[in-house]
Amino acid sequence: MAGLGAPELIIVLVIVLVIFGGSKLPKLAKSMGEAQREFKKGSEDGTVGDDTATATKSDPTDKGPIA
């Protein structure tokens, strides 16, 4: 299975242009760049987004009394 080559990327870009239109492309590119930066930042920190609830959860193996 081969990766995306130049012809495939051109086809994808044309489809994106048709779907979103030329005026929305800069906004779309900006939001995708911000999302990519946030993803890289989260993967370097070991966290994802601002979800602090999962970081403070207790150990799932600590179930306490059963009966």
N, C-alpha and C. Protein backbone atom coordinates (compact mmCIF):
# COMPACT_ATOMS: atom_id res chain seq x y z
N MET A 1 0.85 -1.17 0.00
CA MET A 1 0.00 0.00 0.00
C MET A 1 0.89 1.24 0.00
N ALA A 2 0.80 2.04 -1.00
CA ALA A 2 1.66 3.22 -1.15
C ALA A 2 1.07 4.42 -0.43
N GLY A 3 1.92 5.39 -0.14
CA GLY A 3 1.48 6.63 0.49
C GLY A 3 0.84 7.56 -0.52
N LEU A 4 0.53 8.75 -0.07
CA LEU A 4 -0.07 9.74 -0.95
C LEU A 4 1.01 10.39 -1.80
N GLY A 5 0.83 10.37 -3.08
CA GLY A 5 1.76 11.02 -3.99
C GLY A 5 1.21 12.37 -4.42
N ALA A 6 1.89 13.01 -5.34
CA ALA A 6 1.48 14.33 -5.81
C ALA A 6 0.10 14.32 -6.48
N PRO A 7 -0.21 13.35 -7.35
CA PRO A 7 -1.55 13.36 -7.97
C PRO A 7 -2.68 13.21 -6.96
N GLU A 8 -2.48 12.37 -5.96
CA GLU A 8 -3.51 12.18 -4.95
C GLU A 8 -3.71 13.44 -4.12
N LEU A 9 -2.60 14.10 -3.75
CA LEU A 9 -2.70 15.33 -2.97
C LEU A 9 -3.40 16.44 -3.75
N ILE A 10 -3.14 16.52 -5.04
CA ILE A 10 -3.81 17.53 -5.87
C ILE A 10 -5.31 17.26 -5.92
N ILE A 11 -5.70 16.01 -6.05
CA ILE A 11 -7.12 15.65 -6.07
C ILE A 11 -7.77 16.02 -4.74
N VAL A 12 -7.11 15.71 -3.64
CA VAL A 12 -7.66 16.03 -2.32
C VAL A 12 -7.80 17.55 -2.16
N LEU A 13 -6.80 18.31 -2.59
CA LEU A 13 -6.88 19.77 -2.49
C LEU A 13 -8.00 20.35 -3.34
N VAL A 14 -8.22 19.80 -4.52
CA VAL A 14 -9.32 20.27 -5.37
C VAL A 14 -10.66 19.97 -4.71
N ILE A 15 -10.80 18.79 -4.11
CA ILE A 15 -12.05 18.44 -3.43
C ILE A 15 -12.29 19.38 -2.25
N VAL A 16 -11.25 19.67 -1.47
CA VAL A 16 -11.38 20.59 -0.34
C VAL A 16 -11.77 21.98 -0.83
N LEU A 17 -11.18 22.42 -1.92
CA LEU A 17 -11.51 23.73 -2.49
C LEU A 17 -12.96 23.79 -2.92
N VAL A 18 -13.46 22.72 -3.53
CA VAL A 18 -14.86 22.69 -3.97
C VAL A 18 -15.80 22.68 -2.78
N ILE A 19 -15.47 21.91 -1.74
CA ILE A 19 -16.35 21.79 -0.58
C ILE A 19 -16.39 23.08 0.23
N PHE A 20 -15.23 23.64 0.55
CA PHE A 20 -15.18 24.78 1.46
C PHE A 20 -15.16 26.13 0.75
N GLY A 21 -14.79 26.18 -0.49
CA GLY A 21 -14.71 27.44 -1.21
C GLY A 21 -13.42 28.18 -0.90
N GLY A 22 -13.05 29.07 -1.78
CA GLY A 22 -11.79 29.79 -1.65
C GLY A 22 -11.74 30.74 -0.47
N SER A 23 -12.88 31.30 -0.08
CA SER A 23 -12.88 32.29 1.00
C SER A 23 -12.69 31.67 2.37
N LYS A 24 -13.06 30.41 2.54
CA LYS A 24 -12.95 29.77 3.86
C LYS A 24 -11.64 29.02 4.06
N LEU A 25 -10.85 28.86 3.00
CA LEU A 25 -9.62 28.09 3.10
C LEU A 25 -8.61 28.67 4.09
N PRO A 26 -8.39 29.99 4.15
CA PRO A 26 -7.44 30.51 5.14
C PRO A 26 -7.88 30.23 6.58
N LYS A 27 -9.17 30.34 6.85
CA LYS A 27 -9.68 30.04 8.20
C LYS A 27 -9.50 28.56 8.52
N LEU A 28 -9.77 27.72 7.54
CA LEU A 28 -9.61 26.28 7.72
C LEU A 28 -8.16 25.91 7.97
N ALA A 29 -7.25 26.51 7.20
CA ALA A 29 -5.82 26.23 7.38
C ALA A 29 -5.34 26.70 8.75
N LYS A 30 -5.82 27.86 9.19
CA LYS A 30 -5.43 28.38 10.50
C LYS A 30 -5.91 27.45 11.62
N SER A 31 -7.15 27.01 11.54
CA SER A 31 -7.67 26.14 12.59
C SER A 31 -6.98 24.78 12.58
N MET A 32 -6.62 24.28 11.40
CA MET A 32 -5.89 23.02 11.34
C MET A 32 -4.49 23.16 11.92
N GLY A 33 -3.84 24.30 11.67
CA GLY A 33 -2.52 24.55 12.25
C GLY A 33 -2.57 24.64 13.75
N GLU A 34 -3.60 25.33 14.28
CA GLU A 34 -3.75 25.43 15.73
C GLU A 34 -4.00 24.06 16.34
N ALA A 35 -4.82 23.25 15.69
CA ALA A 35 -5.10 21.91 16.19
C ALA A 35 -3.84 21.05 16.19
N GLN A 36 -3.04 21.19 15.15
CA GLN A 36 -1.79 20.42 15.08
C GLN A 36 -0.83 20.85 16.18
N ARG A 37 -0.72 22.17 16.42
CA ARG A 37 0.15 22.66 17.49
C ARG A 37 -0.32 22.15 18.85
N GLU A 38 -1.63 22.18 19.08
CA GLU A 38 -2.18 21.70 20.35
C GLU A 38 -1.92 20.21 20.52
N PHE A 39 -2.05 19.45 19.45
CA PHE A 39 -1.79 18.02 19.51
C PHE A 39 -0.33 17.74 19.85
N LYS A 40 0.59 18.44 19.18
CA LYS A 40 2.01 18.25 19.46
C LYS A 40 2.34 18.65 20.90
N LYS A 41 1.77 19.76 21.35
CA LYS A 41 2.00 20.22 22.71
C LYS A 41 1.49 19.19 23.71
N GLY A 42 0.31 18.65 23.46
CA GLY A 42 -0.26 17.64 24.34
C GLY A 42 0.52 16.35 24.34
N SER A 43 1.02 15.95 23.19
CA SER A 43 1.78 14.70 23.14
C SER A 43 3.14 14.86 23.81
N GLU A 44 3.72 16.06 23.76
CA GLU A 44 4.99 16.29 24.45
C GLU A 44 4.79 16.34 25.96
N ASP A 45 3.68 16.93 26.41
CA ASP A 45 3.40 17.04 27.84
C ASP A 45 2.85 15.75 28.42
N GLY A 46 2.32 14.90 27.58
CA GLY A 46 1.71 13.67 28.05
C GLY A 46 0.26 13.87 28.42
N THR A 47 -0.31 15.01 28.08
CA THR A 47 -1.71 15.29 28.36
C THR A 47 -2.42 15.62 27.07
N VAL A 48 -3.74 15.58 27.13
CA VAL A 48 -4.55 15.93 25.97
C VAL A 48 -5.53 17.01 26.38
N GLY A 49 -5.40 18.19 25.82
CA GLY A 49 -6.34 19.29 26.06
C GLY A 49 -6.33 19.77 27.50
N ASP A 50 -7.49 20.26 27.94
CA ASP A 50 -7.64 20.81 29.28
C ASP A 50 -8.39 19.87 30.20
N ASP A 51 -8.39 18.60 29.92
CA ASP A 51 -9.15 17.63 30.69
C ASP A 51 -8.40 17.29 31.97
N THR A 52 -8.74 17.97 33.06
CA THR A 52 -8.07 17.72 34.34
C THR A 52 -8.77 16.63 35.14
N ALA A 53 -9.99 16.28 34.75
CA ALA A 53 -10.73 15.26 35.49
C ALA A 53 -10.06 13.90 35.39
N THR A 54 -9.53 13.56 34.25
CA THR A 54 -8.89 12.25 34.10
C THR A 54 -7.56 12.21 34.83
N ALA A 55 -6.91 13.34 35.01
CA ALA A 55 -5.62 13.37 35.69
C ALA A 55 -5.78 13.18 37.19
N THR A 56 -6.95 13.49 37.75
CA THR A 56 -7.15 13.39 39.19
C THR A 56 -7.95 12.16 39.59
N LYS A 57 -8.32 11.32 38.64
CA LYS A 57 -9.07 10.11 38.98
C LYS A 57 -8.23 9.18 39.83
N SER A 58 -8.91 8.43 40.70
CA SER A 58 -8.20 7.46 41.52
C SER A 58 -7.84 6.24 40.68
N ASP A 59 -7.03 5.39 41.24
CA ASP A 59 -6.58 4.18 40.56
C ASP A 59 -7.79 3.29 40.28
N PRO A 60 -8.02 2.85 39.04
CA PRO A 60 -9.18 2.02 38.73
C PRO A 60 -9.14 0.65 39.40
N THR A 61 -7.97 0.21 39.87
CA THR A 61 -7.91 -1.08 40.56
C THR A 61 -8.34 -0.95 42.01
N ASP A 62 -8.42 0.25 42.53
CA ASP A 62 -8.86 0.48 43.91
C ASP A 62 -10.39 0.56 43.91
N LYS A 63 -11.04 -0.59 44.15
CA LYS A 63 -12.50 -0.65 44.05
C LYS A 63 -13.19 -0.46 45.39
N GLY A 64 -12.49 -0.58 46.48
CA GLY A 64 -13.12 -0.42 47.78
C GLY A 64 -13.92 -1.66 48.16
N PRO A 65 -14.81 -1.52 49.14
CA PRO A 65 -15.62 -2.67 49.57
C PRO A 65 -16.58 -3.12 48.48
N ILE A 66 -16.70 -4.43 48.33
CA ILE A 66 -17.53 -4.98 47.27
C ILE A 66 -18.94 -5.28 47.76
N ALA A 67 -19.09 -5.80 48.96
CA ALA A 67 -20.42 -6.20 49.40
C ALA A 67 -20.99 -5.31 50.37
